[in-house]
Protein backbone atom coordinates (compact mmCIF):
# COMPACT_ATOMS: atom_id res chain seq x y z
CA UNK A 1 101.12 112.76 111.71
CA UNK A 2 100.72 113.08 115.52
CA UNK A 3 102.13 110.52 117.96
CA UNK A 4 98.60 109.23 118.68
CA UNK A 5 97.86 108.96 114.96
CA UNK A 6 101.09 107.02 114.39
CA UNK A 7 100.26 104.71 117.31
CA UNK A 8 96.77 104.13 115.94
CA UNK A 9 98.13 103.37 112.49
CA UNK A 10 100.62 100.89 113.96
CA UNK A 11 97.96 99.21 116.08
CA UNK A 12 95.50 99.15 113.21
CA UNK A 13 97.98 97.36 110.96
CA UNK A 14 98.79 94.84 113.70
CA UNK A 15 95.27 94.22 115.00
CA UNK A 16 92.77 95.06 112.25
CA UNK A 17 92.68 91.57 110.74
CA UNK A 18 91.85 89.89 114.03
CA UNK A 19 89.41 92.62 115.10
CA UNK A 20 87.57 92.56 111.78
CA UNK A 21 87.35 88.76 111.87
CA UNK A 22 85.71 88.92 115.30
CA UNK A 23 83.32 91.66 114.18
CA UNK A 24 82.25 89.63 111.14
CA UNK A 25 81.53 86.70 113.47
CA UNK A 26 79.44 88.93 115.75
CA UNK A 27 77.62 90.81 112.99
CA UNK A 28 77.40 88.28 110.17
CA UNK A 29 77.84 91.14 107.68
CA UNK A 30 81.17 92.07 106.05
CA UNK A 31 80.20 95.63 105.12
CA UNK A 32 78.63 96.45 108.48
CA UNK A 33 81.72 95.06 110.26
CA UNK A 34 84.07 97.16 108.09
CA UNK A 35 82.01 100.31 108.61
CA UNK A 36 81.85 99.73 112.36
CA UNK A 37 85.61 99.19 112.54
CA UNK A 38 86.21 102.47 110.70
CA UNK A 39 83.87 104.21 113.15
CA UNK A 40 85.84 102.71 116.05
CA UNK A 41 89.15 103.87 114.57
CA UNK A 42 87.78 107.39 114.25
CA UNK A 43 86.66 107.24 117.89
CA UNK A 44 90.12 106.00 118.93
CA UNK A 45 91.80 108.88 117.14
CA UNK A 46 89.61 111.27 119.15
CA UNK A 47 89.81 109.43 122.48
CA UNK A 48 93.34 108.04 122.80
CA UNK A 49 95.24 111.35 122.66
CA UNK A 50 93.21 112.52 125.68
CA UNK A 51 92.99 109.35 127.75
CA UNK A 52 96.03 107.41 126.59
CA UNK A 53 96.22 103.98 124.99
CA UNK A 54 93.92 101.33 126.52
CA UNK A 55 95.44 98.24 128.13
CA UNK A 56 94.09 96.10 125.28
CA UNK A 57 93.69 98.24 122.14
CA UNK A 58 92.24 95.31 120.16
CA UNK A 59 89.53 94.61 122.75
CA UNK A 60 88.78 98.36 122.96
CA UNK A 61 88.39 98.56 119.17
CA UNK A 62 86.19 95.47 119.09
CA UNK A 63 83.89 96.67 121.89
CA UNK A 64 83.63 100.18 120.45
CA UNK A 65 82.98 98.86 116.95
CA UNK A 66 80.21 96.67 118.31
CA UNK A 67 78.55 99.73 119.87
CA UNK A 68 78.98 101.68 116.62
CA UNK A 69 77.33 98.82 114.73
CA UNK A 70 74.39 99.00 117.15
CA UNK A 71 74.08 102.72 116.46
CA UNK A 72 74.03 102.07 112.72
CA UNK A 73 71.36 99.37 113.10
CA UNK A 74 69.18 101.60 115.28
CA UNK A 75 69.02 104.21 112.52
CA UNK A 76 67.65 101.70 110.01
CA UNK A 77 63.90 101.49 109.53
CA UNK A 78 62.38 98.16 110.49
CA UNK A 79 61.26 97.67 106.88
CA UNK A 80 64.83 97.99 105.71
CA UNK A 81 66.16 95.50 108.24
CA UNK A 82 65.99 91.73 107.90
CA UNK A 83 64.31 89.87 110.74
CA UNK A 84 67.59 88.21 111.67
CA UNK A 85 69.33 91.58 111.91
CA UNK A 86 66.52 93.04 114.00
CA UNK A 87 66.66 90.05 116.35
CA UNK A 88 70.42 90.57 116.65
CA UNK A 89 69.84 94.22 117.50
CA UNK A 90 67.35 93.33 120.25
CA UNK A 91 69.63 90.68 121.72
CA UNK A 92 72.56 93.09 121.77
CA UNK A 93 70.49 95.81 123.40
CA UNK A 94 69.64 93.37 126.20
CA UNK A 95 73.30 92.42 126.57
CA UNK A 96 74.24 96.11 126.67
CA UNK A 97 71.76 96.69 129.51
CA UNK A 98 73.16 93.69 131.41
CA UNK A 99 76.78 94.60 130.67
CA UNK A 100 79.14 92.48 128.62
CA UNK A 101 82.71 91.80 129.67
CA UNK A 102 85.08 93.37 127.13
CA UNK A 103 87.31 90.31 127.42
CA UNK A 104 84.51 88.24 125.86
CA UNK A 105 84.87 90.35 122.72
CA UNK A 106 88.66 90.15 122.44
CA UNK A 107 89.75 89.02 118.97
CA UNK A 108 91.01 85.45 118.82
CA UNK A 109 93.02 83.59 116.19
CA UNK A 110 90.18 81.10 115.62
CA UNK A 111 88.05 83.96 114.30
CA UNK A 112 90.67 84.60 111.63
CA UNK A 113 90.79 80.94 110.64
CA UNK A 114 86.99 80.87 110.37
CA UNK A 115 87.14 84.02 108.27
CA UNK A 116 89.62 82.45 105.84
CA UNK A 117 87.38 79.42 105.35
CA UNK A 118 84.38 81.72 104.86
CA UNK A 119 86.24 83.78 102.24
CA UNK A 120 87.36 80.57 100.52
CA UNK A 121 83.88 79.11 100.10
CA UNK A 122 83.63 77.21 96.77
CA UNK A 123 80.65 79.39 95.74
CA UNK A 124 83.14 82.25 95.23
CA UNK A 125 85.64 82.45 92.40
CA UNK A 126 89.30 81.88 93.26
CA UNK A 127 90.10 85.52 92.46
CA UNK A 128 87.32 86.71 94.78
CA UNK A 129 88.47 84.35 97.54
CA UNK A 130 92.01 85.69 97.46
CA UNK A 131 91.04 89.36 97.16
CA UNK A 132 88.51 89.15 100.00
CA UNK A 133 90.96 87.42 102.34
CA UNK A 134 93.75 89.88 101.57
CA UNK A 135 91.44 92.76 102.41
CA UNK A 136 89.74 91.38 105.52
CA UNK A 137 92.59 89.37 107.06
CA UNK A 138 95.59 91.26 105.75
CA UNK A 139 94.10 94.74 105.89
CA UNK A 140 95.36 95.43 102.36
CA UNK A 141 93.86 98.35 100.48
CA UNK A 142 92.14 98.02 97.11
CA UNK A 143 95.22 99.66 95.57
CA UNK A 144 97.59 97.10 97.11
CA UNK A 145 95.42 94.16 96.07
CA UNK A 146 95.11 95.53 92.52
CA UNK A 147 98.90 95.70 92.28
CA UNK A 148 99.21 92.13 93.56
CA UNK A 149 96.76 90.91 90.89
CA UNK A 150 98.16 93.20 88.17
CA UNK A 151 94.62 94.48 87.42
CA UNK A 152 92.80 97.79 87.83
CA UNK A 153 91.53 99.09 91.16
CA UNK A 154 88.00 99.28 89.74
CA UNK A 155 88.08 95.58 88.87
CA UNK A 156 89.19 94.66 92.40
CA UNK A 157 86.58 96.91 94.01
CA UNK A 158 83.82 95.24 91.97
CA UNK A 159 85.18 91.79 92.77
CA UNK A 160 85.17 92.53 96.51
CA UNK A 161 81.66 94.01 96.48
CA UNK A 162 80.21 91.04 94.60
CA UNK A 163 81.90 88.54 96.94
CA UNK A 164 80.55 90.23 100.08
CA UNK A 165 77.03 90.41 98.63
CA UNK A 166 77.14 86.76 97.65
CA UNK A 167 78.21 85.68 101.16
CA UNK A 168 75.36 87.72 102.66
CA UNK A 169 72.67 86.60 100.19
CA UNK A 170 73.67 82.92 100.25
CA UNK A 171 74.00 82.86 104.03
CA UNK A 172 77.45 81.31 103.80
CA UNK A 173 78.28 80.26 107.38
CA UNK A 174 81.16 81.81 109.28
CA UNK A 175 82.87 78.60 110.37
CA UNK A 176 85.56 76.02 109.74
CA UNK A 177 83.55 73.44 107.75
CA UNK A 178 83.13 69.80 108.65
CA UNK A 179 86.14 67.62 107.85
CA UNK A 180 84.47 66.04 104.83
CA UNK A 181 83.98 69.51 103.29
CA UNK A 182 87.51 70.77 103.90
CA UNK A 183 89.00 69.40 100.69
CA UNK A 184 87.00 71.78 98.47
CA UNK A 185 88.47 74.79 100.28
CA UNK A 186 91.92 73.68 101.39
CA UNK A 187 93.77 74.67 98.20
CA UNK A 188 92.31 78.17 98.32
CA UNK A 189 93.01 78.55 102.06
CA UNK A 190 96.65 77.55 101.55
CA UNK A 191 96.92 79.95 98.64
CA UNK A 192 95.60 82.98 100.46
CA UNK A 193 97.73 82.31 103.54
CA UNK A 194 100.79 82.23 101.29
CA UNK A 195 99.77 85.50 99.62
CA UNK A 196 99.23 87.16 103.00
CA UNK A 197 102.71 86.01 104.02
CA UNK A 198 104.22 87.24 100.75
CA UNK A 199 102.72 90.69 101.21
CA UNK A 200 104.27 90.77 104.67
CA UNK A 201 107.60 89.32 103.50
CA UNK A 202 108.00 91.89 100.71
CA UNK A 203 105.44 94.66 101.03
CA UNK A 204 103.94 95.82 97.73
CA UNK A 205 104.11 99.48 98.75
CA UNK A 206 105.43 101.66 101.56
CA UNK A 207 108.74 102.29 103.26
CA UNK A 208 109.11 98.99 105.07
CA UNK A 209 110.48 95.93 103.32
CA UNK A 210 108.71 93.60 105.78
CA UNK A 211 105.27 93.95 107.36
CA UNK A 212 105.85 91.88 110.48
CA UNK A 213 102.17 91.89 111.45
CA UNK A 214 101.19 90.06 108.27
CA UNK A 215 104.11 87.64 108.53
CA UNK A 216 103.20 86.70 112.10
CA UNK A 217 99.49 86.38 111.22
CA UNK A 218 100.31 84.05 108.33
CA UNK A 219 102.69 81.96 110.45
CA UNK A 220 100.23 81.61 113.31
CA UNK A 221 97.34 80.69 111.02
CA UNK A 222 99.47 78.25 109.00
CA UNK A 223 100.41 76.56 112.27
CA UNK A 224 96.74 76.41 113.31
CA UNK A 225 95.83 74.91 109.94
CA UNK A 226 98.56 72.26 110.20
CA UNK A 227 97.28 71.32 113.67
CA UNK A 228 93.69 71.23 112.39
CA UNK A 229 94.66 68.83 109.57
CA UNK A 230 97.49 66.67 110.95
CA UNK A 231 97.12 64.01 108.25
CA UNK A 232 97.41 66.48 105.34
CA UNK A 233 101.02 67.08 104.20
CA UNK A 234 100.45 70.34 102.30
CA UNK A 235 99.62 72.49 105.38
CA UNK A 236 102.88 71.25 106.92
CA UNK A 237 104.63 72.07 103.66
CA UNK A 238 103.25 75.60 103.74
CA UNK A 239 104.26 76.12 107.38
CA UNK A 240 107.76 74.83 106.58
CA UNK A 241 108.02 77.19 103.61
CA UNK A 242 107.00 80.23 105.69
CA UNK A 243 109.38 79.34 108.51
CA UNK A 244 112.34 78.85 106.16
CA UNK A 245 111.70 82.15 104.39
CA UNK A 246 111.11 84.13 107.57
CA UNK A 247 114.27 82.67 109.14
CA UNK A 248 116.22 85.09 106.92
CA UNK A 249 114.34 88.20 108.08
CA UNK A 250 117.13 89.81 110.14
CA UNK A 251 119.67 89.35 107.33
CA UNK A 252 117.51 90.81 104.56
CA UNK A 253 118.35 94.42 105.39
CA UNK A 254 121.59 96.13 106.40
CA UNK A 255 122.14 98.63 109.21
CA UNK A 256 120.79 101.44 107.02
CA UNK A 257 117.65 99.41 106.36
CA UNK A 258 118.56 98.71 102.74
CA UNK A 259 117.70 95.46 100.97
CA UNK A 260 120.37 92.71 100.98
CA UNK A 261 120.09 89.96 98.35
CA UNK A 262 120.15 86.30 99.39
CA UNK A 263 123.68 85.70 98.05
CA UNK A 264 125.02 88.67 100.05
CA UNK A 265 123.30 87.95 103.37
CA UNK A 266 125.16 87.29 106.61
CA UNK A 267 123.98 83.74 107.25
CA UNK A 268 124.97 83.91 110.90
CA UNK A 269 121.91 86.15 111.32
CA UNK A 270 119.54 83.49 110.04
CA UNK A 271 117.17 82.14 112.69
CA UNK A 272 118.41 78.58 113.20
CA UNK A 273 115.45 77.54 115.35
CA UNK A 274 113.04 78.35 112.54
CA UNK A 275 115.29 76.69 109.98
CA UNK A 276 115.48 73.46 111.98
CA UNK A 277 111.70 73.41 112.53
CA UNK A 278 111.13 74.09 108.82
CA UNK A 279 113.53 71.33 107.78
CA UNK A 280 111.82 68.83 110.09
CA UNK A 281 108.39 69.75 108.77
CA UNK A 282 109.29 69.48 105.08
CA UNK A 283 111.09 66.16 105.57
CA UNK A 284 108.11 64.83 107.51
CA UNK A 285 105.64 66.01 104.85
CA UNK A 286 107.64 64.67 101.89
CA UNK A 287 107.97 61.29 103.60
CA UNK A 288 104.28 60.69 102.86
CA UNK A 289 105.03 60.77 99.09
CA UNK A 290 102.12 63.10 98.26
CA UNK A 291 104.25 66.05 97.19
CA UNK A 292 102.33 69.24 96.45
CA UNK A 293 103.41 72.74 95.45
CA UNK A 294 104.06 74.01 98.99
CA UNK A 295 106.15 70.99 99.92
CA UNK A 296 108.22 71.46 96.75
CA UNK A 297 108.71 75.17 97.44
CA UNK A 298 109.69 74.32 101.00
CA UNK A 299 112.23 71.85 99.63
CA UNK A 300 113.70 74.66 97.47
CA UNK A 301 113.91 76.92 100.53
CA UNK A 302 115.55 74.04 102.43
CA UNK A 303 118.32 73.77 99.81
CA UNK A 304 119.12 77.44 100.37
CA UNK A 305 118.91 77.07 104.16
CA UNK A 306 121.31 74.12 104.26
CA UNK A 307 124.01 75.79 102.12
CA UNK A 308 126.80 77.15 104.39
CA UNK A 309 127.56 79.87 101.83
CA UNK A 310 125.92 81.18 98.66
CA UNK A 311 128.63 79.47 96.61
CA UNK A 312 127.69 76.10 98.14
CA UNK A 313 124.07 76.31 96.95
CA UNK A 314 123.03 73.26 94.92
CA UNK A 315 121.47 75.17 92.02
CA UNK A 316 121.07 72.06 89.87
CA UNK A 317 118.86 70.54 92.55
CA UNK A 318 116.86 73.78 92.68
CA UNK A 319 116.34 73.69 88.89
CA UNK A 320 114.97 70.14 89.19
CA UNK A 321 112.66 71.17 92.00
CA UNK A 322 111.32 74.10 89.96
CA UNK A 323 110.67 71.69 87.08
CA UNK A 324 108.64 69.53 89.50
CA UNK A 325 106.81 72.64 90.73
CA UNK A 326 105.82 73.55 87.16
CA UNK A 327 103.79 70.32 87.00
CA UNK A 328 101.57 71.72 89.77
CA UNK A 329 101.82 75.45 88.97
CA UNK A 330 102.66 76.13 85.30
CA UNK A 331 102.79 79.91 85.78
CA UNK A 332 105.11 82.61 84.40
CA UNK A 333 106.31 83.37 87.95
CA UNK A 334 107.50 79.81 88.52
CA UNK A 335 109.09 79.86 85.06
CA UNK A 336 110.88 83.08 86.03
CA UNK A 337 112.28 81.52 89.21
CA UNK A 338 113.40 78.47 87.22
CA UNK A 339 115.19 80.74 84.72
CA UNK A 340 117.03 82.46 87.59
CA UNK A 341 118.06 79.05 88.96
CA UNK A 342 119.28 78.01 85.50
CA UNK A 343 121.39 81.18 85.30
CA UNK A 344 123.28 80.13 88.43
CA UNK A 345 123.40 76.42 87.62
CA UNK A 346 124.39 76.64 83.94
CA UNK A 347 125.42 80.26 83.37
CA UNK A 348 123.62 83.58 82.75
CA UNK A 349 123.43 82.95 78.98
CA UNK A 350 121.21 79.90 79.41
CA UNK A 351 119.19 81.66 82.08
CA UNK A 352 118.63 84.60 79.72
CA UNK A 353 117.41 82.26 76.96
CA UNK A 354 114.90 80.71 79.37
CA UNK A 355 113.80 84.17 80.51
CA UNK A 356 113.29 85.42 76.95
CA UNK A 357 111.02 82.45 76.22
CA UNK A 358 108.87 83.39 79.23
CA UNK A 359 108.67 87.05 78.24
CA UNK A 360 107.46 86.02 74.79
CA UNK A 361 104.35 84.33 76.22
CA UNK A 362 103.78 86.00 79.60
CA UNK A 363 102.35 89.40 80.49
CA UNK A 364 105.13 90.47 82.86
CA UNK A 365 106.06 93.90 81.51
CA UNK A 366 104.87 95.63 84.70
CA UNK A 367 106.39 93.00 87.03
CA UNK A 368 109.61 94.42 88.52
CA UNK A 369 111.27 91.04 89.40
CA UNK A 370 111.43 89.99 85.74
CA UNK A 371 113.37 93.15 84.84
CA UNK A 372 115.65 92.70 87.86
CA UNK A 373 116.38 89.08 86.90
CA UNK A 374 117.15 90.09 83.30
CA UNK A 375 119.37 92.96 84.49
CA UNK A 376 121.39 90.64 86.72
CA UNK A 377 121.93 88.10 83.95
CA UNK A 378 122.95 90.80 81.45
CA UNK A 379 125.32 92.33 83.99
CA UNK A 380 127.01 88.97 84.58
CA UNK A 381 127.40 88.64 80.82
CA UNK A 382 129.13 92.04 80.69
CA UNK A 383 126.29 93.70 78.76
CA UNK A 384 126.23 96.70 81.07
CA UNK A 385 124.18 99.19 79.03
CA UNK A 386 121.40 96.64 78.48
CA UNK A 387 121.48 95.77 82.18
CA UNK A 388 121.17 99.45 83.07
CA UNK A 389 118.08 99.80 80.86
CA UNK A 390 116.48 96.78 82.58
CA UNK A 391 117.13 98.32 86.00
CA UNK A 392 115.39 101.50 84.79
CA UNK A 393 112.37 99.44 83.73
CA UNK A 394 112.33 97.70 87.11
CA UNK A 395 112.48 101.07 88.87
CA UNK A 396 109.42 102.25 86.94
CA UNK A 397 107.46 99.18 88.14
CA UNK A 398 108.60 99.06 91.79
CA UNK A 399 106.41 100.65 94.49
CA UNK A 400 108.18 99.55 97.66
CA UNK A 401 110.63 102.26 98.73
CA UNK A 402 113.28 99.79 99.87
CA UNK A 403 113.21 97.97 96.54
CA UNK A 404 113.44 101.30 94.71
CA UNK A 405 116.47 102.26 96.79
CA UNK A 406 118.12 98.94 95.95
CA UNK A 407 117.51 99.45 92.22
CA UNK A 408 118.79 103.03 92.39
CA UNK A 409 121.93 101.80 94.16
CA UNK A 410 122.48 99.18 91.45
CA UNK A 411 122.11 101.82 88.75
CA UNK A 412 124.69 104.00 90.46
CA UNK A 413 127.09 101.05 90.63
């Protein structure tokens, strides 16, 4: 890959979510916006090696994509174009003749927040809401989203296509809804922001453990959401959770770039400013006595953040918090995390018993963390050969290169 191609790939990952959100606002059509953005990226790959990077790559991509969308609309026959689209074409042609300041088309964070609320419209299924947001905001591929959902790529592709068509046919507005309508979308919005953060915090695929662009997008949008809804405790809980997790970013890899587990991290590298802000937010949210799943998860992260060393972690408190979380989210993943907490609070034998109960009812065979958790518990029990087999199963399921290197290192040990 050439230097220009690498730069374009880096910029695309960092800016595509914001650029696409702005294009969808301008065009009112998901597919047209995606096609225009791809056209603009192709143009950038041809133009930037000759002329150098523009001062504002995001604004350049947005302006170019807008022109490419105009070109696509011009090639449509009038009979094939809705009146609204034709009117948009005419208005844009007039603006093009008059000249439009590129700064007016620069992507803004509000566009991304509007996009999330559009994707999370109650007319769409929860699965479609999440998949659409991960693709448009997070820039995740169909392959990456399919892995996150543990379903086939074909199923995700169909889900995305149906969601986009429904938004277009139903004329779902691209906006943050009125305050009285927020409640029907808030749970989904919180959920997709958390999933975007998780994909950035531990990338599903690729060489990097962390995708900083997604992490920063999720943090910024969670902060915007908390400011938009100051009387709702759950957005503050989500922001606290993201801050407390991301505070550990610098300690999660060693000098060679290899994964470092929580218990082995150098806690002096943890970002104390983010920890203190996260602690204040979760305490403030919990004070309202309307605890929800994100506040509870933030409280769990706070227990880890407040422990001076791994040995000082209050695992019994964490077990209780996971039990409270199960009331809100009775999922195999939460059960798995509770089993891990039990293994540290009451011993690996009890943790293993809890884990085996989950495996009996949950479809987690292709989920690497369950094999890693089982391997760790078996290893602490001295059942080395069984632990080695679990690490092999985890290796077969893991797609992130850093995670695979960690598993390979454990096998060698």
